[in-house]
C-alpha cells in the first residue's frame, strides 16, 4: 500500500467542495461526500493502476472519477500524491494547473 499525500491545491479543492455541498444539500450530504472522496483516494493507494492515464503539459497523471469530481494524482514508488480534485464538467485544459 502506498502512502497518501494531498497537495495544497487538492486541500483547497476539498474545502470548496465541502462548502458548496454544505450550502446546497446540508451537513450530512457534505460529510458523506467527503467520506466518499477519501474512500476513492484510499482505493488509489491500494491499487495504483486504477484510473486512466491523463497526459498534461506539466507531466503524466492518473485520473479517477469520484461521483461528480475527478481525482488527479501522480505516483512514485512509495506514494500517491493527489494533485487536484476538479468537477467533472470543468474545462480541464484551462483549469488544471
Protein backbone atom coordinates (compact mmCIF):
# COMPACT_ATOMS: atom_id res chain seq x y z
CA UNK A 1 0.00 0.00 0.00
CA UNK A 2 1.31 3.42 -0.98
CA UNK A 3 1.12 6.42 1.33
CA UNK A 4 -1.30 9.23 0.53
CA UNK A 5 -0.35 12.89 0.19
CA UNK A 6 -2.60 15.83 -0.75
CA UNK A 7 -1.23 18.91 -2.47
CA UNK A 8 -2.19 22.35 -1.12
CA UNK A 9 -4.40 22.77 -4.20
CA UNK A 10 -6.18 19.47 -3.53
CA UNK A 11 -6.84 20.56 0.06
CA UNK A 12 -8.35 23.82 -1.23
CA UNK A 13 -10.44 21.82 -3.71
CA UNK A 14 -11.78 19.66 -0.88
CA UNK A 15 -12.67 22.75 1.14
CA UNK A 16 -14.55 24.26 -1.81
CA UNK A 17 -16.38 21.01 -2.47
CA UNK A 18 -17.38 20.75 1.18
CA UNK A 19 -18.63 24.34 1.35
CA UNK A 20 -20.63 24.01 -1.87
CA UNK A 21 -22.18 20.71 -0.79
CA UNK A 22 -22.95 22.08 2.67
CA UNK A 23 -24.75 25.13 1.24
CA UNK A 24 -26.62 23.13 -1.39
CA UNK A 25 -27.53 19.90 0.39
CA UNK A 26 -26.67 20.21 4.09
CA UNK A 27 -24.12 18.85 6.51
CA UNK A 28 -24.97 15.14 6.24
CA UNK A 29 -24.53 15.14 2.47
CA UNK A 30 -21.34 17.25 2.76
CA UNK A 31 -19.82 14.82 5.28
CA UNK A 32 -20.86 11.77 3.25
CA UNK A 33 -19.42 13.23 0.05
CA UNK A 34 -16.09 13.99 1.73
CA UNK A 35 -16.03 10.42 3.06
CA UNK A 36 -16.71 9.10 -0.45
CA UNK A 37 -13.85 11.17 -1.89
CA UNK A 38 -11.44 9.91 0.77
CA UNK A 39 -12.54 6.31 0.16
CA UNK A 40 -11.64 6.73 -3.51
CA UNK A 41 -8.25 8.16 -2.54
CA UNK A 42 -7.58 5.19 -0.28
CA UNK A 43 -8.63 2.87 -3.09
CA UNK A 44 -5.93 4.52 -5.20
CA UNK A 45 -3.28 3.77 -2.55
CA UNK A 46 -4.24 0.09 -2.61
CA UNK A 47 -4.43 -0.18 -6.39
CA UNK A 48 -2.03 2.25 -8.04
CA UNK A 49 -3.13 1.23 -11.55
CA UNK A 50 -6.76 2.22 -11.05
CA UNK A 51 -7.97 5.08 -13.22
CA UNK A 52 -6.88 6.31 -16.62
CA UNK A 53 -3.65 7.96 -17.69
CA UNK A 54 -4.03 11.72 -18.19
CA UNK A 55 -1.29 13.46 -20.14
CA UNK A 56 -0.87 17.15 -19.44
CA UNK A 57 1.78 19.77 -20.17
CA UNK A 58 3.30 19.50 -16.66
CA UNK A 59 3.59 15.72 -16.65
CA UNK A 60 1.72 12.47 -16.63
CA UNK A 61 -1.07 11.90 -14.15
CA UNK A 62 -3.73 9.35 -13.41
CA UNK A 63 -7.35 10.36 -13.08
CA UNK A 64 -10.19 8.63 -11.31
CA UNK A 65 -13.82 9.68 -11.36
CA UNK A 66 -15.38 10.03 -7.93
CA UNK A 67 -19.08 10.82 -8.28
CA UNK A 68 -19.15 14.30 -9.86
CA UNK A 69 -15.44 15.04 -9.45
CA UNK A 70 -12.18 13.79 -10.91
CA UNK A 71 -9.22 12.96 -8.71
CA UNK A 72 -5.85 13.63 -10.35
CA UNK A 73 -2.74 12.04 -8.93
CA UNK A 74 0.93 11.50 -9.56
CA UNK A 75 2.66 8.42 -8.26
CA UNK A 76 6.07 7.46 -7.04
CA UNK A 77 7.27 4.08 -5.82
CA UNK A 78 6.09 4.86 -2.28
CA UNK A 79 3.35 7.49 -2.55
CA UNK A 80 0.19 8.67 -4.29
CA UNK A 81 0.02 12.46 -4.45
CA UNK A 82 -3.45 13.86 -5.08
CA UNK A 83 -2.76 16.96 -7.16
CA UNK A 84 -6.28 18.28 -7.81
CA UNK A 85 -9.94 17.37 -7.31
CA UNK A 86 -11.95 19.06 -10.03
CA UNK A 87 -15.61 18.99 -11.13
CA UNK A 88 -16.22 16.52 -13.95
CA UNK A 89 -17.81 19.22 -16.13
CA UNK A 90 -14.93 21.69 -15.75
CA UNK A 91 -12.85 22.67 -18.77
CA UNK A 92 -9.79 20.73 -17.65
CA UNK A 93 -7.38 22.07 -20.26
CA UNK A 94 -7.83 25.62 -18.95
CA UNK A 95 -8.19 24.88 -15.23
CA UNK A 96 -5.81 22.03 -14.47
CA UNK A 97 -2.58 23.50 -13.14
